[in-house]
């Protein structure tokens, strides 16, 4: 019986040249997470199964374990997983239908470690939208479009029950929206579309804990599109009618250029940011002007943006937790790296997979199984590395 090892040399060379790798988290997931949130020393993820049910799993650093399934509507083109957050040891899941005033269209459910609870609240259920969850002053809050009596609001707070607070920034309750939020100190910054008679392009608003206000001197005049945090600063990607830098950060009461290195790329879009250690990752659509290569993850090291060489299609979410960055999307190695992985920029990785090449044609045919517990030897190393149950080995090196 002949055994053939695939992909050792090629992946070792690529990893050592660029020193950015995507590593598996356990045995992978049945579907790519729609949302990721920090939870204790690990993360919690929410995803839609192949039967359109909503499932959640927790990664404790060693393995995944599934939570009891919440009793919610099946996902569809209209009913979706909206947001996920943990607070005081509980997990909160926001689901619903964007921009819908139909009865009980939206829900926020809580997992307390043993059971799911869905809060009965007309503020949530009949809201036009629930967009983002966040924590402020020890309370869980939600950004969206809410109605209480004859008044409209953009913030609700959970204090035993859901309560509306603050003023209104989204005048047009149908077309206005919150795209993303980021906290900095005692302020919450939000990008989106906010109707203002004096400014039809208002796209950056600030919440100070009690009131919304239009951002003074926003970094981009046409549209502020994505927002994140980096070294105690707010980072924004946007566009203006005239040629300008694509990314800016708060600095000394104003906005400073943070686009060094991006002049070598056509920046079509940035959808999200994630910070880890001293690096900032950006997911979007970039094209190298010299090579014409497409890139969808860039990294800023404090001085310059560079290509990460992580070519992943259909990225769903980038999430930073402690000193790690997780990325989810429709990618798979049919075993361990399914739907989610961790990004490291200071390591290399050797990946190998072994199968029983019954006909010795150096090609894996459909009837040739992957071999578990097969010892793989590395030159100069005394011990062998056994493949896992999927016939794989992932070895990280400094």
Protein backbone atom coordinates (compact mmCIF):
# COMPACT_ATOMS: atom_id res chain seq x y z
CA UNK A 1 0.00 0.00 0.00
CA UNK A 2 1.45 3.32 -1.09
CA UNK A 3 0.80 6.52 0.85
CA UNK A 4 1.23 9.93 -0.71
CA UNK A 5 1.71 13.19 1.25
CA UNK A 6 0.26 16.35 -0.29
CA UNK A 7 1.21 20.04 -0.12
CA UNK A 8 4.12 20.12 2.37
CA UNK A 9 6.69 22.04 0.30
CA UNK A 10 4.37 24.58 -1.36
CA UNK A 11 2.65 25.73 1.82
CA UNK A 12 5.89 25.93 3.79
CA UNK A 13 7.42 28.25 1.19
CA UNK A 14 4.37 30.54 1.04
CA UNK A 15 4.08 30.79 4.83
CA UNK A 16 7.76 31.57 5.40
CA UNK A 17 7.82 34.25 2.71
CA UNK A 18 4.85 36.24 3.98
CA UNK A 19 4.54 35.18 7.66
CA UNK A 20 0.76 35.48 7.75
CA UNK A 21 -1.22 32.31 8.19
CA UNK A 22 -4.78 31.15 8.81
CA UNK A 23 -4.90 28.38 11.40
CA UNK A 24 -7.77 26.03 12.27
CA UNK A 25 -9.87 26.31 15.43
CA UNK A 26 -10.63 22.76 16.45
CA UNK A 27 -12.49 20.66 13.91
CA UNK A 28 -14.20 23.56 12.19
CA UNK A 29 -17.89 24.39 12.07
CA UNK A 30 -20.80 23.12 9.95
CA UNK A 31 -21.31 26.62 8.51
CA UNK A 32 -19.52 29.95 8.42
CA UNK A 33 -20.46 32.15 11.39
CA UNK A 34 -22.53 35.20 10.58
CA UNK A 35 -21.49 36.84 13.86
CA UNK A 36 -18.59 36.38 16.31
CA UNK A 37 -18.36 37.80 19.83
CA UNK A 38 -15.84 37.49 22.66
CA UNK A 39 -17.02 35.19 25.46
CA UNK A 40 -15.01 34.50 28.64
CA UNK A 41 -11.57 33.37 27.38
CA UNK A 42 -12.87 32.33 23.97
CA UNK A 43 -15.56 33.33 21.48
CA UNK A 44 -19.18 32.57 20.74
CA UNK A 45 -20.45 32.33 17.16
CA UNK A 46 -23.88 32.30 15.56
CA UNK A 47 -24.61 30.74 12.17
CA UNK A 48 -27.43 29.45 10.01
CA UNK A 49 -27.48 25.69 9.39
CA UNK A 50 -28.18 23.97 6.08
CA UNK A 51 -31.80 23.69 7.28
CA UNK A 52 -31.92 27.46 8.01
CA UNK A 53 -31.98 26.98 11.79
CA UNK A 54 -29.97 29.34 14.00
CA UNK A 55 -27.24 27.58 15.98
CA UNK A 56 -24.60 28.91 18.36
CA UNK A 57 -21.31 27.38 19.47
CA UNK A 58 -18.67 28.44 22.00
CA UNK A 59 -14.92 28.05 21.45
CA UNK A 60 -13.13 27.65 24.78
CA UNK A 61 -9.62 27.68 23.30
CA UNK A 62 -9.47 23.92 22.76
CA UNK A 63 -12.75 22.79 21.22
CA UNK A 64 -16.24 23.88 20.14
CA UNK A 65 -19.40 23.01 22.03
CA UNK A 66 -22.94 23.75 20.88
CA UNK A 67 -25.50 25.69 22.90
CA UNK A 68 -29.13 24.74 23.15
CA UNK A 69 -30.84 25.99 19.98
CA UNK A 70 -32.93 29.16 20.49
CA UNK A 71 -36.60 28.92 19.54
CA UNK A 72 -36.53 31.38 16.66
CA UNK A 73 -37.84 31.68 13.14
CA UNK A 74 -35.79 30.01 10.39
CA UNK A 75 -33.41 32.32 8.55
CA UNK A 76 -34.37 33.50 5.07
CA UNK A 77 -33.77 36.35 2.63
CA UNK A 78 -35.66 38.59 5.06
CA UNK A 79 -35.14 37.05 8.51
CA UNK A 80 -31.46 37.18 9.54
CA UNK A 81 -28.91 37.00 12.33
CA UNK A 82 -28.27 40.69 13.07
CA UNK A 83 -25.79 40.89 15.95
CA UNK A 84 -24.19 38.97 18.81
CA UNK A 85 -22.58 40.13 22.06
CA UNK A 86 -21.73 38.83 25.54
CA UNK A 87 -22.35 40.83 28.72
CA UNK A 88 -21.99 39.83 32.39
CA UNK A 89 -21.53 36.18 31.43
CA UNK A 90 -24.67 36.05 29.27
CA UNK A 91 -24.93 35.82 25.48
CA UNK A 92 -27.31 38.15 23.62
CA UNK A 93 -28.47 37.39 20.08
CA UNK A 94 -30.30 39.92 17.89
CA UNK A 95 -32.37 38.53 15.01
CA UNK A 96 -35.05 39.94 12.79
CA UNK A 97 -36.08 41.64 9.60
CA UNK A 98 -34.33 44.83 8.56
CA UNK A 99 -36.57 47.88 8.10
CA UNK A 100 -39.79 46.08 8.93
CA UNK A 101 -42.53 47.43 11.15
CA UNK A 102 -44.49 44.15 11.13
CA UNK A 103 -45.56 42.70 14.47
CA UNK A 104 -42.81 40.86 16.36
CA UNK A 105 -40.41 41.09 13.42
CA UNK A 106 -37.35 41.57 15.65
CA UNK A 107 -36.07 39.76 18.76
CA UNK A 108 -33.19 40.01 21.23
CA UNK A 109 -32.67 36.71 23.03
CA UNK A 110 -30.47 35.98 26.08
CA UNK A 111 -28.59 32.77 26.92
CA UNK A 112 -27.90 32.68 30.68
CA UNK A 113 -25.81 29.50 30.65
CA UNK A 114 -28.73 27.09 30.77
CA UNK A 115 -31.75 28.59 28.98
CA UNK A 116 -32.78 31.05 26.29
CA UNK A 117 -35.06 33.97 27.14
CA UNK A 118 -36.68 36.25 24.55
CA UNK A 119 -37.69 39.57 26.04
CA UNK A 120 -41.31 40.57 25.51
CA UNK A 121 -41.04 44.21 24.44
CA UNK A 122 -42.96 46.18 21.85
CA UNK A 123 -39.93 48.50 21.60
CA UNK A 124 -37.91 45.61 20.15
CA UNK A 125 -40.56 43.48 18.48
CA UNK A 126 -42.16 46.34 16.53
CA UNK A 127 -38.99 48.31 15.88
CA UNK A 128 -38.27 49.35 12.32
CA UNK A 129 -34.78 47.90 12.78
CA UNK A 130 -32.35 46.64 15.40
CA UNK A 131 -28.85 47.22 14.07
CA UNK A 132 -26.07 46.95 16.68
CA UNK A 133 -25.66 45.83 20.29
CA UNK A 134 -23.17 47.51 22.65
CA UNK A 135 -22.47 47.94 26.36
CA UNK A 136 -22.38 51.35 28.05
CA UNK A 137 -22.24 52.17 31.76
CA UNK A 138 -22.83 48.52 32.65
CA UNK A 139 -26.02 48.26 30.59
CA UNK A 140 -26.73 46.41 27.37
CA UNK A 141 -27.95 48.83 24.72
CA UNK A 142 -29.13 48.57 21.13
CA UNK A 143 -28.86 50.98 18.23
CA UNK A 144 -31.75 50.97 15.79
CA UNK A 145 -35.05 52.64 14.97
CA UNK A 146 -37.61 52.40 17.75
CA UNK A 147 -41.06 53.87 18.49
CA UNK A 148 -42.58 54.50 21.92
CA UNK A 149 -46.01 56.08 21.75
CA UNK A 150 -45.73 59.07 19.43
CA UNK A 151 -41.95 59.40 19.87
CA UNK A 152 -39.11 57.86 17.86
CA UNK A 153 -35.69 56.90 19.23
CA UNK A 154 -32.38 55.41 18.10
CA UNK A 155 -31.19 53.90 21.42
CA UNK A 156 -32.83 51.45 23.81
CA UNK A 157 -31.37 50.26 27.12
CA UNK A 158 -31.98 47.00 28.98
CA UNK A 159 -32.63 47.81 32.64
CA UNK A 160 -34.95 45.01 33.73
CA UNK A 161 -37.04 45.92 30.68
CA UNK A 162 -36.15 47.70 27.44
CA UNK A 163 -36.35 51.48 27.75
CA UNK A 164 -35.96 54.15 25.08
CA UNK A 165 -33.51 56.98 25.69
CA UNK A 166 -31.91 59.96 24.00
CA UNK A 167 -32.96 61.89 20.95
CA UNK A 168 -33.41 60.93 17.28
CA UNK A 169 -30.68 61.10 14.62
CA UNK A 170 -32.47 59.08 11.90
CA UNK A 171 -35.27 61.37 10.76
CA UNK A 172 -36.33 59.12 7.89
CA UNK A 173 -37.32 55.92 9.71
CA UNK A 174 -37.56 53.92 6.46
CA UNK A 175 -34.40 54.76 4.52
CA UNK A 176 -31.98 55.88 7.24
CA UNK A 177 -29.74 53.20 8.76
CA UNK A 178 -26.84 52.43 11.08
CA UNK A 179 -24.11 50.51 9.26
CA UNK A 180 -21.58 50.09 12.08
CA UNK A 181 -20.51 51.53 15.43
CA UNK A 182 -17.29 51.94 17.45
CA UNK A 183 -16.77 53.13 21.02
CA UNK A 184 -14.02 55.50 22.10
CA UNK A 185 -13.94 56.68 25.69
CA UNK A 186 -17.39 57.90 26.67
CA UNK A 187 -18.53 58.37 23.07
CA UNK A 188 -20.11 56.02 20.53
CA UNK A 189 -19.46 56.76 16.86
CA UNK A 190 -21.87 55.48 14.20
CA UNK A 191 -21.59 55.38 10.43
CA UNK A 192 -24.63 55.02 8.19
CA UNK A 193 -27.22 57.22 6.50
CA UNK A 194 -28.85 59.90 8.62
CA UNK A 195 -31.30 62.37 7.10
CA UNK A 196 -30.57 66.01 7.81
CA UNK A 197 -32.25 68.89 5.94
CA UNK A 198 -29.03 70.90 6.05
CA UNK A 199 -26.79 68.05 4.88
CA UNK A 200 -28.09 65.26 2.60
CA UNK A 201 -24.80 63.34 2.98
CA UNK A 202 -24.71 63.02 6.78
CA UNK A 203 -23.06 59.66 7.53
CA UNK A 204 -21.26 60.04 10.89
CA UNK A 205 -23.06 60.59 14.19
CA UNK A 206 -21.83 60.67 17.80
CA UNK A 207 -23.66 59.47 20.95
CA UNK A 208 -22.33 60.91 24.23
CA UNK A 209 -24.33 58.67 26.57
CA UNK A 210 -27.46 60.79 26.58
CA UNK A 211 -27.81 62.55 23.20
CA UNK A 212 -27.00 62.06 19.52
CA UNK A 213 -25.19 64.80 17.61
CA UNK A 214 -23.89 65.29 14.09
CA UNK A 215 -20.12 64.76 13.94
CA UNK A 216 -18.34 68.11 13.62
CA UNK A 217 -15.90 68.22 10.69
CA UNK A 218 -16.33 64.55 9.67
CA UNK A 219 -13.31 62.88 8.02
CA UNK A 220 -15.14 62.36 4.70
CA UNK A 221 -17.70 64.70 3.17
CA UNK A 222 -19.42 62.35 0.71
CA UNK A 223 -19.74 59.18 2.80
CA UNK A 224 -18.23 57.70 5.95
CA UNK A 225 -18.61 53.97 5.30
CA UNK A 226 -16.70 51.80 7.79
CA UNK A 227 -15.50 52.41 11.33
CA UNK A 228 -13.22 50.73 13.86
CA UNK A 229 -10.75 51.20 16.72
CA UNK A 230 -6.97 51.39 16.66
CA UNK A 231 -4.70 52.35 19.58
CA UNK A 232 -7.40 54.35 21.40
CA UNK A 233 -8.36 56.14 18.20
CA UNK A 234 -11.40 55.92 15.93
CA UNK A 235 -10.57 54.84 12.37
CA UNK A 236 -12.90 55.62 9.45
CA UNK A 237 -12.92 54.62 5.79
CA UNK A 238 -14.82 56.91 3.47
CA UNK A 239 -15.08 58.81 0.22
CA UNK A 240 -15.25 62.42 -0.93
CA UNK A 241 -16.11 64.03 -4.26
CA UNK A 242 -12.52 65.11 -4.68
CA UNK A 243 -9.45 62.84 -4.56
CA UNK A 244 -8.51 62.16 -0.96
CA UNK A 245 -6.92 59.56 1.29
CA UNK A 246 -9.27 56.62 2.00
CA UNK A 247 -8.63 56.07 5.74
CA UNK A 248 -8.34 58.59 8.57
CA UNK A 249 -8.11 58.40 12.37
CA UNK A 250 -8.97 60.76 15.20
CA UNK A 251 -6.03 62.88 16.32
CA UNK A 252 -5.87 65.95 18.60
CA UNK A 253 -9.54 66.78 18.10
CA UNK A 254 -9.38 66.33 14.32
CA UNK A 255 -8.74 63.65 11.72
CA UNK A 256 -5.32 62.48 10.53
CA UNK A 257 -4.36 60.61 7.37
CA UNK A 258 -3.76 56.90 8.07
CA UNK A 259 -3.38 55.68 4.48
CA UNK A 260 0.38 55.25 4.05
CA UNK A 261 0.95 52.34 1.67
CA UNK A 262 -2.54 52.38 0.15
CA UNK A 263 -1.41 54.65 -2.68
CA UNK A 264 -0.09 51.45 -4.32
CA UNK A 265 -3.64 50.04 -4.40
CA UNK A 266 -6.99 50.94 -5.89
CA UNK A 267 -9.28 50.89 -2.83
CA UNK A 268 -12.77 49.96 -4.01
CA UNK A 269 -14.24 49.26 -0.59
CA UNK A 270 -13.57 48.62 3.10
CA UNK A 271 -16.30 46.86 5.05
CA UNK A 272 -14.76 46.36 8.51
CA UNK A 273 -11.71 46.74 10.75
CA UNK A 274 -10.24 44.57 13.52
CA UNK A 275 -7.36 45.47 15.86
CA UNK A 276 -4.91 43.02 17.44
CA UNK A 277 -1.78 44.02 19.36
CA UNK A 278 -0.24 46.89 17.35
CA UNK A 279 -1.78 45.86 14.03
CA UNK A 280 -5.01 46.85 12.31
CA UNK A 281 -6.66 44.58 9.75
CA UNK A 282 -9.08 45.85 7.10
CA UNK A 283 -11.44 43.69 5.05
CA UNK A 284 -12.49 45.08 1.70
CA UNK A 285 -11.68 45.15 -1.97
CA UNK A 286 -8.19 46.27 -3.01
CA UNK A 287 -6.29 45.95 -6.30
CA UNK A 288 -2.51 46.15 -6.53
CA UNK A 289 -1.82 48.80 -9.20
CA UNK A 290 1.47 47.18 -10.22
CA UNK A 291 0.44 43.51 -10.44
CA UNK A 292 -3.33 43.97 -10.88
CA UNK A 293 -3.85 41.34 -8.15
CA UNK A 294 -7.02 41.48 -6.05
CA UNK A 295 -6.65 41.56 -2.27
CA UNK A 296 -9.35 41.43 0.40
CA UNK A 297 -7.39 41.71 3.68
CA UNK A 298 -4.80 44.42 4.35
CA UNK A 299 -2.79 45.05 7.52
CA UNK A 300 -1.51 48.29 9.08
CA UNK A 301 1.53 47.91 11.38
CA UNK A 302 1.50 51.42 12.83
CA UNK A 303 3.33 52.95 9.87
CA UNK A 304 2.19 51.42 6.58
CA UNK A 305 -0.53 49.24 5.02
CA UNK A 306 0.65 45.99 3.41
CA UNK A 307 -0.96 43.05 1.65
CA UNK A 308 -1.48 40.09 4.02
CA UNK A 309 -1.42 37.45 1.22
CA UNK A 310 -4.46 35.80 2.82
CA UNK A 311 -6.68 35.23 -0.20
CA UNK A 312 -10.06 34.26 1.27
CA UNK A 313 -13.28 34.46 -0.70
CA UNK A 314 -16.58 35.62 0.81
CA UNK A 315 -15.33 36.92 4.15
CA UNK A 316 -18.27 37.21 6.54
CA UNK A 317 -16.69 38.82 9.61
CA UNK A 318 -13.36 39.84 11.09
CA UNK A 319 -13.23 39.77 14.90
CA UNK A 320 -10.47 40.67 17.35
CA UNK A 321 -10.41 38.99 20.75
CA UNK A 322 -7.48 39.55 23.10
CA UNK A 323 -4.33 39.06 21.05
CA UNK A 324 -6.06 37.09 18.30
CA UNK A 325 -7.97 37.88 15.12
CA UNK A 326 -10.61 35.47 13.82
CA UNK A 327 -11.99 35.55 10.30
CA UNK A 328 -15.14 33.76 9.15
CA UNK A 329 -16.40 33.09 5.65
CA UNK A 330 -17.16 30.54 2.98
CA UNK A 331 -13.79 28.81 2.96
CA UNK A 332 -12.94 25.22 3.85
CA UNK A 333 -10.29 22.50 3.72
CA UNK A 334 -13.12 19.92 4.06
CA UNK A 335 -11.98 19.13 7.59
CA UNK A 336 -10.55 21.47 10.23
CA UNK A 337 -10.45 24.89 8.58
CA UNK A 338 -14.17 25.18 7.93
CA UNK A 339 -15.85 28.56 8.07
CA UNK A 340 -13.56 30.14 10.68
CA UNK A 341 -9.85 30.44 11.46
CA UNK A 342 -7.32 32.47 13.42
CA UNK A 343 -4.93 34.87 11.70
CA UNK A 344 -1.30 35.11 12.85
CA UNK A 345 1.29 37.44 11.31
CA UNK A 346 4.33 36.24 13.29
CA UNK A 347 4.34 32.55 12.43
CA UNK A 348 4.72 30.13 9.55
CA UNK A 349 2.72 26.97 9.03
CA UNK A 350 3.32 23.55 7.53
CA UNK A 351 0.19 21.76 6.36
CA UNK A 352 0.10 18.13 5.23
CA UNK A 353 -2.60 15.60 4.40
CA UNK A 354 -2.17 11.89 3.76
CA UNK A 355 -4.28 9.46 1.72
CA UNK A 356 -4.07 5.86 0.61
CA UNK A 357 -3.01 6.05 -3.06
CA UNK A 358 -4.34 2.60 -3.99
CA UNK A 359 -3.57 2.85 -7.73
CA UNK A 360 -0.27 4.75 -7.25
CA UNK A 361 -1.22 7.53 -9.68
CA UNK A 362 -0.25 10.34 -7.27
CA UNK A 363 -3.82 11.65 -7.40
CA UNK A 364 -6.53 11.23 -4.77
CA UNK A 365 -9.44 9.38 -6.31
CA UNK A 366 -12.91 9.27 -4.80
CA UNK A 367 -12.47 5.78 -3.33
CA UNK A 368 -9.15 6.61 -1.63
CA UNK A 369 -9.55 7.45 2.05
CA UNK A 370 -7.68 9.97 4.14
CA UNK A 371 -5.40 8.26 6.65
CA UNK A 372 -5.69 9.09 10.35
CA UNK A 373 -2.80 8.58 12.82
CA UNK A 374 -0.24 8.35 10.04
CA UNK A 375 3.25 9.50 11.21
CA UNK A 376 4.77 12.38 9.26
CA UNK A 377 8.49 12.91 9.74
CA UNK A 378 10.25 16.26 9.52
CA UNK A 379 13.90 16.33 8.54
CA UNK A 380 16.10 16.97 11.53
CA UNK A 381 13.30 16.27 14.03
CA UNK A 382 13.32 13.12 16.13
CA UNK A 383 9.61 12.81 16.73
CA UNK A 384 6.93 12.14 14.13
CA UNK A 385 3.66 14.01 13.84
CA UNK A 386 0.53 11.83 13.52
CA UNK A 387 -2.27 12.98 11.25
CA UNK A 388 -5.65 13.69 12.85
CA UNK A 389 -8.90 11.87 12.12
CA UNK A 390 -9.14 13.71 8.79
CA UNK A 391 -5.63 12.70 7.74
CA UNK A 392 -4.27 16.20 8.37
CA UNK A 393 -1.40 17.86 10.19
CA UNK A 394 -1.17 21.61 10.91
CA UNK A 395 2.20 22.59 12.37
CA UNK A 396 2.89 26.19 13.38
CA UNK A 397 6.46 27.41 13.70
CA UNK A 398 7.93 30.77 14.75
